Amino acid sequence: LYSIFTVLLMYFTSISTTQTTDCMHLKEQCINAANECESVWNVVEDVCNISVPDNRCKAEDTIGCNRMIRVLAEKYPEFKNCICTTDNFCSIMTFLGTQCSPTKDNISTETKIQWSLSTLSKKPYRTNRTCLDMNKECVEDEVCNKQLSLYLKICSVNKKCSMEECQGAIRFFYQNMPFEVAQMMTFCDCIQHDESCHRAKELLHGKPCAVTAVPPPSCLNVIRTCEENKLCRQVEKNFFLPSNCWRHVTKRCYDDEACLETLIKGDMPCSANPDCKAAYISNWGTMLRVECTCQNLLPAEQALCKLFHHMLHSKSCFS
């Protein structure tokens, strides 16, 4: 059991900074190279506003910013791993890492203006919305439907699935909408035998392309894979540590066998505050949202795996 606690502690606290350091080193090399790279980087900083302290995570001109980011990645491919999660989705936020951790209000002014014209964004947040209702309201809303169409074009069930591209699309979809709308879509649900609702839920929640792997990975492997990806590590850190979703786990249960057993066997609560919900929503488009299993693991690994499965996939504390 000691090994379980040791691994748990390592998962929650050992967030690698190697890639972040490498990316910052690339920036320094670029600026000090005395060639065109510095000029391109300066344009990226200017267009994306990342030199403005209060606005560095909210590019005003998202189209221009994304265009310059692609220029940088194409001209200097070494930057690609620092700013692109797939070939289709690149973002300066990926480069800035933990300085731009997901929050409840981290969308650009341009996107906010678009959503200000939306009727859906003006509706008050309500719990227990059905996914069929949310899908219908999004389709009927011009702004929401435009974003939904872009996401579905990449994640369509009618073409061969690229999980990586679909994950990038669903992440972009949920990151670029008001927090209240993202909440209603993320936490919508269906009664057991409502097939139309369940189809709508699969559509809104990236099934099967963004979340279903064959065969399903173990939940321990999902965590290990997430640790190897800069963007996923950032999201994981936000969800497990600073969001305060699972404070009683990260602080109270490290050295308490009875406590851990209670959390595994019972319905482990989370804080369910707005920051926690924002952190949960930020999991979209990462390995943390991939469906995982605890079957075929060694007995010694079962307890930790079940704990992770609950933390990653149970919505009981949000309902």
C-alpha atoms as a PDB file:
ATOM      1  CA  LEU A   1       0.000   0.000   0.000  1.00  0.00           C
ATOM      2  CA  TYR A   2       2.955   2.281   0.611  1.00  0.00           C
ATOM      3  CA  SER A   3       3.757   2.099  -3.096  1.00  0.00           C
ATOM      4  CA  ILE A   4       0.226   3.260  -3.941  1.00  0.00           C
ATOM      5  CA  PHE A   5       0.615   6.346  -1.772  1.00  0.00           C
ATOM      6  CA  THR A   6       4.050   7.010  -3.243  1.00  0.00           C
ATOM      7  CA  VAL A   7       2.738   6.817  -6.804  1.00  0.00           C
ATOM      8  CA  LEU A   8      -0.283   8.958  -5.919  1.00  0.00           C
ATOM      9  CA  LEU A   9       1.961  11.629  -4.473  1.00  0.00           C
ATOM     10  CA  MET A  10       4.211  11.522  -7.539  1.00  0.00           C
ATOM     11  CA  TYR A  11       1.282  11.855  -9.931  1.00  0.00           C
ATOM     12  CA  PHE A  12      -0.090  14.912  -8.186  1.00  0.00           C
ATOM     13  CA  THR A  13       3.146  16.746  -7.495  1.00  0.00           C
ATOM     14  CA  SER A  14       5.774  15.827 -10.097  1.00  0.00           C
ATOM     15  CA  ILE A  15       4.737  18.041 -13.019  1.00  0.00           C
ATOM     16  CA  SER A  16       7.589  18.008 -15.495  1.00  0.00           C
ATOM     17  CA  THR A  17       8.962  21.353 -16.662  1.00  0.00           C
ATOM     18  CA  THR A  18      11.409  20.001 -19.258  1.00  0.00           C
ATOM     19  CA  GLN A  19       9.384  20.912 -22.339  1.00  0.00           C
ATOM     20  CA  THR A  20       8.411  24.314 -20.943  1.00  0.00           C
ATOM     21  CA  THR A  21      12.103  25.054 -20.341  1.00  0.00           C
ATOM     22  CA  ASP A  22      12.969  23.883 -23.869  1.00  0.00           C
ATOM     23  CA  CYS A  23      10.323  26.170 -25.378  1.00  0.00           C
ATOM     24  CA  MET A  24      11.521  29.196 -23.445  1.00  0.00           C
ATOM     25  CA  HIS A  25      15.076  28.360 -24.520  1.00  0.00           C
ATOM     26  CA  LEU A  26      13.877  28.310 -28.147  1.00  0.00           C
ATOM     27  CA  LYS A  27      12.412  31.777 -27.672  1.00  0.00           C
ATOM     28  CA  GLU A  28      15.698  33.076 -26.271  1.00  0.00           C
ATOM     29  CA  GLN A  29      17.645  31.495 -29.139  1.00  0.00           C
ATOM     30  CA  CYS A  30      15.246  33.059 -31.626  1.00  0.00           C
ATOM     31  CA  ILE A  31      15.564  36.543 -30.134  1.00  0.00           C
ATOM     32  CA  ASN A  32      19.359  36.315 -29.867  1.00  0.00           C
ATOM     33  CA  ALA A  33      19.909  34.865 -33.340  1.00  0.00           C
ATOM     34  CA  ALA A  34      20.090  38.279 -35.006  1.00  0.00           C
ATOM     35  CA  ASN A  35      18.166  37.026 -38.007  1.00  0.00           C
ATOM     36  CA  GLU A  36      14.597  37.022 -39.300  1.00  0.00           C
ATOM     37  CA  CYS A  37      13.422  34.792 -36.435  1.00  0.00           C
ATOM     38  CA  GLU A  38      13.503  37.698 -33.993  1.00  0.00           C
ATOM     39  CA  SER A  39      11.405  39.796 -36.374  1.00  0.00           C
ATOM     40  CA  VAL A  40       8.787  37.045 -36.743  1.00  0.00           C
ATOM     41  CA  TRP A  41       8.667  36.538 -32.979  1.00  0.00           C
ATOM     42  CA  ASN A  42       8.226  40.287 -32.395  1.00  0.00           C
ATOM     43  CA  VAL A  43       5.289  40.310 -34.801  1.00  0.00           C
ATOM     44  CA  VAL A  44       3.742  37.337 -32.953  1.00  0.00           C
ATOM     45  CA  GLU A  45       4.107  39.165 -29.638  1.00  0.00           C
ATOM     46  CA  ASP A  46       2.593  42.315 -31.094  1.00  0.00           C
ATOM     47  CA  VAL A  47      -0.344  40.665 -32.895  1.00  0.00           C
ATOM     48  CA  CYS A  48      -1.118  38.265 -30.049  1.00  0.00           C
ATOM     49  CA  ASN A  49      -0.675  40.917 -27.337  1.00  0.00           C
ATOM     50  CA  ILE A  50       1.466  38.578 -25.231  1.00  0.00           C
ATOM     51  CA  SER A  51       3.742  41.466 -24.231  1.00  0.00           C
ATOM     52  CA  VAL A  52       0.765  43.180 -22.554  1.00  0.00           C
ATOM     53  CA  PRO A  53       0.668  41.880 -18.925  1.00  0.00           C
ATOM     54  CA  ASP A  54      -3.088  42.154 -18.396  1.00  0.00           C
ATOM     55  CA  ASN A  55      -3.983  40.766 -21.813  1.00  0.00           C
ATOM     56  CA  ARG A  56      -1.327  38.203 -22.633  1.00  0.00           C
ATOM     57  CA  CYS A  57      -3.741  35.266 -22.614  1.00  0.00           C
ATOM     58  CA  LYS A  58      -6.530  36.987 -24.585  1.00  0.00           C
ATOM     59  CA  ALA A  59      -5.454  37.860 -28.114  1.00  0.00           C
ATOM     60  CA  GLU A  60      -7.751  40.591 -29.432  1.00  0.00           C
ATOM     61  CA  ASP A  61      -7.203  39.594 -33.073  1.00  0.00           C
ATOM     62  CA  THR A  62      -7.463  35.821 -32.850  1.00  0.00           C
ATOM     63  CA  ILE A  63      -7.420  35.318 -36.632  1.00  0.00           C
ATOM     64  CA  GLY A  64      -4.303  37.435 -37.090  1.00  0.00           C
ATOM     65  CA  CYS A  65      -2.668  35.855 -34.049  1.00  0.00           C
ATOM     66  CA  ASN A  66      -3.316  32.310 -35.267  1.00  0.00           C
ATOM     67  CA  ARG A  67      -2.033  33.248 -38.731  1.00  0.00           C
ATOM     68  CA  MET A  68       1.244  34.555 -37.323  1.00  0.00           C
ATOM     69  CA  ILE A  69       1.625  31.521 -35.078  1.00  0.00           C
ATOM     70  CA  ARG A  70       1.326  29.274 -38.137  1.00  0.00           C
ATOM     71  CA  VAL A  71       3.940  31.403 -39.951  1.00  0.00           C
ATOM     72  CA  LEU A  72       6.308  30.983 -37.010  1.00  0.00           C
ATOM     73  CA  ALA A  73       5.748  27.207 -36.869  1.00  0.00           C
ATOM     74  CA  GLU A  74       6.146  26.767 -40.632  1.00  0.00           C
ATOM     75  CA  LYS A  75       9.252  28.944 -40.890  1.00  0.00           C
ATOM     76  CA  TYR A  76      10.855  27.569 -37.718  1.00  0.00           C
ATOM     77  CA  PRO A  77       9.547  23.975 -37.248  1.00  0.00           C
ATOM     78  CA  GLU A  78      11.340  23.610 -33.904  1.00  0.00           C
ATOM     79  CA  PHE A  79       8.581  25.794 -32.406  1.00  0.00           C
ATOM     80  CA  LYS A  80       5.844  23.426 -33.542  1.00  0.00           C
ATOM     81  CA  ASN A  81       5.887  21.196 -30.450  1.00  0.00           C
ATOM     82  CA  CYS A  82       5.581  24.290 -28.284  1.00  0.00           C
ATOM     83  CA  ILE A  83       2.564  25.913 -29.913  1.00  0.00           C
ATOM     84  CA  CYS A  84       0.627  23.193 -31.754  1.00  0.00           C
ATOM     85  CA  THR A  85      -1.420  20.359 -30.301  1.00  0.00           C
ATOM     86  CA  THR A  86      -2.253  19.107 -33.809  1.00  0.00           C
ATOM     87  CA  ASP A  87      -1.533  20.293 -37.340  1.00  0.00           C
ATOM     88  CA  ASN A  88      -4.836  22.169 -37.310  1.00  0.00           C
ATOM     89  CA  PHE A  89      -4.817  23.768 -33.858  1.00  0.00           C
ATOM     90  CA  CYS A  90      -1.980  26.023 -32.755  1.00  0.00           C
ATOM     91  CA  SER A  91      -2.192  28.562 -29.961  1.00  0.00           C
ATOM     92  CA  ILE A  92       0.141  30.968 -28.224  1.00  0.00           C
ATOM     93  CA  MET A  93      -1.554  29.835 -24.984  1.00  0.00           C
ATOM     94  CA  THR A  94       0.081  26.438 -25.483  1.00  0.00           C
ATOM     95  CA  PHE A  95       3.488  28.134 -25.552  1.00  0.00           C
ATOM     96  CA  LEU A  96       2.783  30.291 -22.500  1.00  0.00           C
ATOM     97  CA  GLY A  97       1.783  27.175 -20.572  1.00  0.00           C
ATOM     98  CA  THR A  98       0.836  27.648 -16.929  1.00  0.00           C
ATOM     99  CA  GLN A  99       0.825  31.423 -17.362  1.00  0.00           C
ATOM    100  CA  CYS A 100      -2.411  30.875 -19.298  1.00  0.00           C
ATOM    101  CA  SER A 101      -4.055  28.150 -17.245  1.00  0.00           C
ATOM    102  CA  PRO A 102      -7.739  27.764 -18.154  1.00  0.00           C
ATOM    103  CA  THR A 103     -10.096  30.084 -16.301  1.00  0.00           C
ATOM    104  CA  LYS A 104     -13.800  30.894 -16.380  1.00  0.00           C
ATOM    105  CA  ASP A 105     -13.143  33.931 -18.600  1.00  0.00           C
ATOM    106  CA  ASN A 106     -10.228  33.343 -20.942  1.00  0.00           C
ATOM    107  CA  ILE A 107     -11.747  34.020 -24.364  1.00  0.00           C
ATOM    108  CA  SER A 108     -10.785  36.864 -26.669  1.00  0.00           C
ATOM    109  CA  THR A 109     -12.645  40.151 -26.972  1.00  0.00           C
ATOM    110  CA  GLU A 110     -13.501  39.267 -30.569  1.00  0.00           C
ATOM    111  CA  THR A 111     -15.141  36.020 -29.446  1.00  0.00           C
ATOM    112  CA  LYS A 112     -16.945  37.819 -26.621  1.00  0.00           C
ATOM    113  CA  ILE A 113     -18.395  40.282 -29.125  1.00  0.00           C
ATOM    114  CA  GLN A 114     -19.649  37.407 -31.271  1.00  0.00           C
ATOM    115  CA  TRP A 115     -21.271  35.700 -28.283  1.00  0.00           C
ATOM    116  CA  SER A 116     -22.855  38.981 -27.173  1.00  0.00           C
ATOM    117  CA  LEU A 117     -25.105  38.585 -30.226  1.00  0.00           C
ATOM    118  CA  SER A 118     -26.114  35.094 -29.117  1.00  0.00           C
ATOM    119  CA  THR A 119     -29.466  34.438 -27.482  1.00  0.00           C
ATOM    120  CA  LEU A 120     -28.099  31.274 -25.883  1.00  0.00           C
ATOM    121  CA  SER A 121     -25.423  33.183 -23.978  1.00  0.00           C
ATOM    122  CA  LYS A 122     -28.085  35.416 -22.414  1.00  0.00           C
ATOM    123  CA  LYS A 123     -29.999  32.526 -20.897  1.00  0.00           C
ATOM    124  CA  PRO A 124     -29.375  32.030 -17.161  1.00  0.00           C
ATOM    125  CA  TYR A 125     -27.395  28.977 -16.149  1.00  0.00           C
ATOM    126  CA  ARG A 126     -29.611  26.074 -15.148  1.00  0.00           C
ATOM    127  CA  THR A 127     -28.596  22.693 -13.830  1.00  0.00           C
ATOM    128  CA  ASN A 128     -29.972  19.360 -15.038  1.00  0.00           C
ATOM    129  CA  ARG A 129     -30.389  20.408 -18.675  1.00  0.00           C
ATOM    130  CA  THR A 130     -30.925  17.533 -21.109  1.00  0.00           C
ATOM    131  CA  CYS A 131     -28.312  17.129 -23.818  1.00  0.00           C
ATOM    132  CA  LEU A 132     -31.057  17.025 -26.439  1.00  0.00           C
ATOM    133  CA  ASP A 133     -32.268  20.461 -25.353  1.00  0.00           C
ATOM    134  CA  MET A 134     -28.728  21.852 -25.298  1.00  0.00           C
ATOM    135  CA  ASN A 135     -27.972  20.465 -28.744  1.00  0.00           C
ATOM    136  CA  LYS A 136     -31.201  21.926 -30.121  1.00  0.00           C
ATOM    137  CA  GLU A 137     -30.573  25.349 -28.578  1.00  0.00           C
ATOM    138  CA  CYS A 138     -27.011  25.423 -29.921  1.00  0.00           C
ATOM    139  CA  VAL A 139     -28.116  24.496 -33.457  1.00  0.00           C
ATOM    140  CA  GLU A 140     -30.809  27.180 -33.375  1.00  0.00           C
ATOM    141  CA  ASP A 141     -28.329  29.816 -32.167  1.00  0.00           C
ATOM    142  CA  GLU A 142     -26.293  31.300 -35.030  1.00  0.00           C
ATOM    143  CA  VAL A 143     -23.109  31.865 -33.026  1.00  0.00           C
ATOM    144  CA  CYS A 144     -23.149  28.507 -31.262  1.00  0.00           C
ATOM    145  CA  ASN A 145     -24.088  26.597 -34.397  1.00  0.00           C
ATOM    146  CA  LYS A 146     -21.192  28.155 -36.308  1.00  0.00           C
ATOM    147  CA  GLN A 147     -18.707  26.846 -33.734  1.00  0.00           C
ATOM    148  CA  LEU A 148     -20.501  23.511 -33.464  1.00  0.00           C
ATOM    149  CA  SER A 149     -20.319  23.052 -37.252  1.00  0.00           C
ATOM    150  CA  LEU A 150     -16.547  23.623 -37.270  1.00  0.00           C
ATOM    151  CA  TYR A 151     -16.108  21.040 -34.519  1.00  0.00           C
ATOM    152  CA  LEU A 152     -18.375  18.453 -36.181  1.00  0.00           C
ATOM    153  CA  LYS A 153     -16.655  18.906 -39.535  1.00  0.00           C
ATOM    154  CA  ILE A 154     -13.482  17.494 -38.004  1.00  0.00           C
ATOM    155  CA  CYS A 155     -15.120  14.962 -35.674  1.00  0.00           C
ATOM    156  CA  SER A 156     -17.734  13.691 -38.132  1.00  0.00           C
ATOM    157  CA  VAL A 157     -18.707  10.032 -37.738  1.00  0.00           C
ATOM    158  CA  ASN A 158     -18.989   9.846 -41.526  1.00  0.00           C
ATOM    159  CA  LYS A 159     -15.239   9.961 -42.084  1.00  0.00           C
ATOM    160  CA  LYS A 160     -12.206   8.212 -40.651  1.00  0.00           C
ATOM    161  CA  CYS A 161     -11.579   9.450 -37.146  1.00  0.00           C
ATOM    162  CA  SER A 162      -8.388  11.235 -36.187  1.00  0.00           C
ATOM    163  CA  MET A 163      -8.536  11.323 -32.398  1.00  0.00           C
ATOM    164  CA  GLU A 164      -5.828  13.967 -32.126  1.00  0.00           C
ATOM    165  CA  GLU A 165      -7.523  16.328 -34.575  1.00  0.00           C
ATOM    166  CA  CYS A 166     -10.946  15.750 -33.013  1.00  0.00           C
ATOM    167  CA  GLN A 167      -9.573  16.424 -29.544  1.00  0.00           C
ATOM    168  CA  GLY A 168      -8.145  19.703 -30.803  1.00  0.00           C
ATOM    169  CA  ALA A 169     -11.523  20.598 -32.310  1.00  0.00           C
ATOM    170  CA  ILE A 170     -13.585  19.860 -29.198  1.00  0.00           C
ATOM    171  CA  ARG A 171     -11.086  21.719 -27.039  1.00  0.00           C
ATOM    172  CA  PHE A 172     -11.354  24.758 -29.308  1.00  0.00           C
ATOM    173  CA  PHE A 173     -15.153  24.460 -29.212  1.00  0.00           C
ATOM    174  CA  TYR A 174     -15.427  24.552 -25.422  1.00  0.00           C
ATOM    175  CA  GLN A 175     -12.649  27.096 -24.896  1.00  0.00           C
ATOM    176  CA  ASN A 176     -14.333  29.643 -27.132  1.00  0.00           C
ATOM    177  CA  MET A 177     -17.725  29.983 -25.508  1.00  0.00           C
ATOM    178  CA  PRO A 178     -18.991  31.697 -22.330  1.00  0.00           C
ATOM    179  CA  PHE A 179     -18.454  29.722 -19.147  1.00  0.00           C
ATOM    180  CA  GLU A 180     -22.203  29.439 -18.485  1.00  0.00           C
ATOM    181  CA  VAL A 181     -22.835  27.873 -21.916  1.00  0.00           C
ATOM    182  CA  ALA A 182     -19.881  25.498 -21.536  1.00  0.00           C
ATOM    183  CA  GLN A 183     -21.235  24.414 -18.154  1.00  0.00           C
ATOM    184  CA  MET A 184     -24.687  23.603 -19.514  1.00  0.00           C
ATOM    185  CA  MET A 185     -23.215  21.573 -22.372  1.00  0.00           C
ATOM    186  CA  THR A 186     -20.617  19.768 -20.283  1.00  0.00           C
ATOM    187  CA  PHE A 187     -22.967  18.797 -17.464  1.00  0.00           C
ATOM    188  CA  CYS A 188     -26.049  18.007 -19.526  1.00  0.00           C
ATOM    189  CA  ASP A 189     -27.411  14.487 -19.185  1.00  0.00           C
ATOM    190  CA  CYS A 190     -30.155  12.113 -20.337  1.00  0.00           C
ATOM    191  CA  ILE A 191     -32.603   9.670 -18.839  1.00  0.00           C
ATOM    192  CA  GLN A 192     -31.652   6.055 -19.469  1.00  0.00           C
ATOM    193  CA  HIS A 193     -33.854   5.126 -22.442  1.00  0.00           C
ATOM    194  CA  ASP A 194     -33.954   8.435 -24.344  1.00  0.00           C
ATOM    195  CA  GLU A 195     -31.975   7.414 -27.441  1.00  0.00           C
ATOM    196  CA  SER A 196     -32.280  10.819 -29.157  1.00  0.00           C
ATOM    197  CA  CYS A 197     -30.873  12.511 -26.079  1.00  0.00           C
ATOM    198  CA  HIS A 198     -28.008  10.037 -25.813  1.00  0.00           C
ATOM    199  CA  ARG A 199     -27.090  10.643 -29.467  1.00  0.00           C
ATOM    200  CA  ALA A 200     -27.056  14.388 -28.763  1.00  0.00           C
ATOM    201  CA  LYS A 201     -24.893  13.792 -25.696  1.00  0.00           C
ATOM    202  CA  GLU A 202     -22.390  11.783 -27.722  1.00  0.00           C
ATOM    203  CA  LEU A 203     -22.246  14.586 -30.272  1.00  0.00           C
ATOM    204  CA  LEU A 204     -21.631  17.309 -27.659  1.00  0.00           C
ATOM    205  CA  HIS A 205     -19.147  15.211 -25.689  1.00  0.00           C
ATOM    206  CA  GLY A 206     -16.922  14.013 -28.535  1.00  0.00           C
ATOM    207  CA  LYS A 207     -18.008  10.394 -28.769  1.00  0.00           C
ATOM    208  CA  PRO A 208     -16.671   8.284 -30.189  1.00  0.00           C
ATOM    209  CA  CYS A 209     -13.817  10.046 -31.960  1.00  0.00           C
ATOM    210  CA  ALA A 210     -12.320  12.266 -29.232  1.00  0.00           C
ATOM    211  CA  VAL A 211     -12.799  10.000 -26.221  1.00  0.00           C
ATOM    212  CA  THR A 212     -13.018   6.339 -27.313  1.00  0.00           C
ATOM    213  CA  ALA A 213      -9.851   4.343 -27.901  1.00  0.00           C
ATOM    214  CA  VAL A 214      -9.771   0.684 -28.940  1.00  0.00           C
ATOM    215  CA  PRO A 215      -8.824  -1.098 -26.794  1.00  0.00           C
ATOM    216  CA  PRO A 216      -9.568   1.282 -23.914  1.00  0.00           C
ATOM    217  CA  PRO A 217      -6.444   2.261 -21.972  1.00  0.00           C
ATOM    218  CA  SER A 218      -6.117   1.788 -18.253  1.00  0.00           C
ATOM    219  CA  CYS A 219      -6.751   4.920 -16.206  1.00  0.00           C
ATOM    220  CA  LEU A 220      -3.173   4.678 -14.931  1.00  0.00           C
ATOM    221  CA  ASN A 221      -1.901   4.718 -18.524  1.00  0.00           C
ATOM    222  CA  VAL A 222      -4.078   7.765 -19.277  1.00  0.00           C
ATOM    223  CA  ILE A 223      -2.369   9.665 -16.462  1.00  0.00           C
ATOM    224  CA  ARG A 224       1.090   8.546 -17.635  1.00  0.00           C
ATOM    225  CA  THR A 225       0.341   9.583 -21.226  1.00  0.00           C
ATOM    226  CA  CYS A 226      -0.978  12.941 -20.044  1.00  0.00           C
ATOM    227  CA  GLU A 227       2.266  13.555 -18.160  1.00  0.00           C
ATOM    228  CA  GLU A 228       4.164  13.267 -21.465  1.00  0.00           C
ATOM    229  CA  ASN A 229       2.184  16.088 -23.130  1.00  0.00           C
ATOM    230  CA  LYS A 230       2.779  19.725 -22.173  1.00  0.00           C
ATOM    231  CA  LEU A 231      -0.800  20.898 -22.683  1.00  0.00           C
ATOM    232  CA  CYS A 232      -2.253  17.904 -20.858  1.00  0.00           C
ATOM    233  CA  ARG A 233       0.166  18.314 -17.935  1.00  0.00           C
ATOM    234  CA  GLN A 234      -0.969  21.907 -17.583  1.00  0.00           C
ATOM    235  CA  VAL A 235      -4.649  20.906 -17.556  1.00  0.00           C
ATOM    236  CA  GLU A 236      -3.986  18.027 -15.156  1.00  0.00           C
ATOM    237  CA  LYS A 237      -2.189  20.307 -12.724  1.00  0.00           C
ATOM    238  CA  ASN A 238      -5.055  22.771 -12.849  1.00  0.00           C
ATOM    239  CA  PHE A 239      -7.644  20.051 -12.248  1.00  0.00           C
ATOM    240  CA  PHE A 240      -5.884  18.134  -9.488  1.00  0.00           C
ATOM    241  CA  LEU A 241      -4.087  20.870  -7.557  1.00  0.00           C
ATOM    242  CA  PRO A 242      -4.869  24.618  -7.802  1.00  0.00           C
ATOM    243  CA  SER A 243      -8.528  24.231  -8.735  1.00  0.00           C
ATOM    244  CA  ASN A 244      -9.258  22.845  -5.255  1.00  0.00           C
ATOM    245  CA  CYS A 245     -11.492  20.160  -6.756  1.00  0.00           C
ATOM    246  CA  TRP A 246      -9.901  17.414  -4.703  1.00  0.00           C
ATOM    247  CA  ARG A 247      -8.216  19.241  -1.849  1.00  0.00           C
ATOM    248  CA  HIS A 248      -9.158  16.550   0.673  1.00  0.00           C
ATOM    249  CA  VAL A 249      -7.300  13.984  -1.484  1.00  0.00           C
ATOM    250  CA  THR A 250      -4.154  15.959  -2.149  1.00  0.00           C
ATOM    251  CA  LYS A 251      -3.759  17.153   1.440  1.00  0.00           C
ATOM    252  CA  ARG A 252      -5.682  14.865   3.794  1.00  0.00           C
ATOM    253  CA  CYS A 253      -5.367  11.374   2.336  1.00  0.00           C
ATOM    254  CA  TYR A 254      -1.750  10.930   1.346  1.00  0.00           C
ATOM    255  CA  ASP A 255      -0.791   9.078   4.512  1.00  0.00           C
ATOM    256  CA  ASP A 256      -4.166   7.804   5.663  1.00  0.00           C
ATOM    257  CA  GLU A 257      -5.009   4.293   4.480  1.00  0.00           C
ATOM    258  CA  ALA A 258      -8.537   4.368   5.893  1.00  0.00           C
ATOM    259  CA  CYS A 259      -9.185   7.700   4.190  1.00  0.00           C
ATOM    260  CA  LEU A 260      -8.091   6.453   0.779  1.00  0.00           C
ATOM    261  CA  GLU A 261     -10.206   3.306   1.112  1.00  0.00           C
ATOM    262  CA  THR A 262     -13.234   5.429   1.976  1.00  0.00           C
ATOM    263  CA  LEU A 263     -12.709   7.616  -1.078  1.00  0.00           C
ATOM    264  CA  ILE A 264     -12.342   4.614  -3.360  1.00  0.00           C
ATOM    265  CA  LYS A 265     -15.363   2.735  -2.027  1.00  0.00           C
ATOM    266  CA  GLY A 266     -17.643   5.706  -1.477  1.00  0.00           C
ATOM    267  CA  ASP A 267     -18.827   8.555  -3.641  1.00  0.00           C
ATOM    268  CA  MET A 268     -15.835  10.863  -3.295  1.00  0.00           C
ATOM    269  CA  PRO A 269     -16.992  14.498  -3.306  1.00  0.00           C
ATOM    270  CA  CYS A 270     -15.253  17.409  -4.939  1.00  0.00           C
ATOM    271  CA  SER A 271     -15.628  21.096  -4.190  1.00  0.00           C
ATOM    272  CA  ALA A 272     -17.861  21.719  -7.258  1.00  0.00           C
ATOM    273  CA  ASN A 273     -17.163  25.452  -7.022  1.00  0.00           C
ATOM    274  CA  PRO A 274     -16.928  27.550 -10.237  1.00  0.00           C
ATOM    275  CA  ASP A 275     -13.132  27.203 -10.419  1.00  0.00           C
ATOM    276  CA  CYS A 276     -13.451  23.442 -10.107  1.00  0.00           C
ATOM    277  CA  LYS A 277     -16.082  23.335 -12.853  1.00  0.00           C
ATOM    278  CA  ALA A 278     -13.855  25.461 -15.091  1.00  0.00           C
ATOM    279  CA  ALA A 279     -10.983  23.055 -14.477  1.00  0.00           C
ATOM    280  CA  TYR A 280     -13.204  20.079 -15.315  1.00  0.00           C
ATOM    281  CA  ILE A 281     -14.373  21.760 -18.539  1.00  0.00           C
ATOM    282  CA  SER A 282     -10.743  22.457 -19.475  1.00  0.00           C
ATOM    283  CA  ASN A 283     -10.181  18.674 -19.629  1.00  0.00           C
ATOM    284  CA  TRP A 284     -11.987  18.596 -22.994  1.00  0.00           C
ATOM    285  CA  GLY A 285      -9.660  17.633 -25.817  1.00  0.00           C
ATOM    286  CA  THR A 286      -7.007  16.024 -23.619  1.00  0.00           C
ATOM    287  CA  MET A 287      -6.158  12.446 -22.667  1.00  0.00           C
ATOM    288  CA  LEU A 288      -7.852  13.075 -19.312  1.00  0.00           C
ATOM    289  CA  ARG A 289     -11.250  12.817 -21.041  1.00  0.00           C
ATOM    290  CA  VAL A 290     -10.489   9.538 -22.849  1.00  0.00           C
ATOM    291  CA  GLU A 291     -12.617   6.660 -21.558  1.00  0.00           C
ATOM    292  CA  CYS A 292     -10.456   4.349 -19.474  1.00  0.00           C
ATOM    293  CA  THR A 293     -10.749   1.070 -17.604  1.00  0.00           C
ATOM    294  CA  CYS A 294      -9.323  -0.695 -14.575  1.00  0.00           C
ATOM    295  CA  GLN A 295      -9.756  -4.202 -15.961  1.00  0.00           C
ATOM    296  CA  ASN A 296      -6.789  -6.542 -16.413  1.00  0.00           C
ATOM    297  CA  LEU A 297      -4.597  -4.667 -13.932  1.00  0.00           C
ATOM    298  CA  LEU A 298      -2.641  -6.222 -11.109  1.00  0.00           C
ATOM    299  CA  PRO A 299      -4.480  -6.258  -7.756  1.00  0.00           C
ATOM    300  CA  ALA A 300      -1.958  -3.808  -6.311  1.00  0.00           C
ATOM    301  CA  GLU A 301      -2.847  -1.282  -9.044  1.00  0.00           C
ATOM    302  CA  GLN A 302      -6.619  -1.541  -8.775  1.00  0.00           C
ATOM    303  CA  ALA A 303      -7.141   0.891  -5.893  1.00  0.00           C
ATOM    304  CA  LEU A 304      -5.198   3.748  -7.482  1.00  0.00           C
ATOM    305  CA  CYS A 305      -6.763   3.102 -10.883  1.00  0.00           C
ATOM    306  CA  LYS A 306     -10.305   3.215  -9.466  1.00  0.00           C
ATOM    307  CA  LEU A 307      -9.498   6.436  -7.651  1.00  0.00           C
ATOM    308  CA  PHE A 308      -8.311   8.064 -10.877  1.00  0.00           C
ATOM    309  CA  HIS A 309     -11.322   6.726 -12.790  1.00  0.00           C
ATOM    310  CA  HIS A 310     -13.653   8.343 -10.292  1.00  0.00           C
ATOM    311  CA  MET A 311     -11.828  11.652 -10.328  1.00  0.00           C
ATOM    312  CA  LEU A 312     -11.663  11.829 -14.125  1.00  0.00           C
ATOM    313  CA  HIS A 313     -15.119  10.554 -15.093  1.00  0.00           C
ATOM    314  CA  SER A 314     -17.605  10.870 -12.259  1.00  0.00           C
ATOM    315  CA  LYS A 315     -19.890  13.901 -12.494  1.00  0.00           C
ATOM    316  CA  SER A 316     -21.694  13.095  -9.264  1.00  0.00           C
ATOM    317  CA  CYS A 317     -20.275  16.082  -7.420  1.00  0.00           C
ATOM    318  CA  PHE A 318     -21.453  18.459 -10.158  1.00  0.00           C
ATOM    319  CA  SER A 319     -25.034  17.227 -10.373  1.00  0.00           C
END
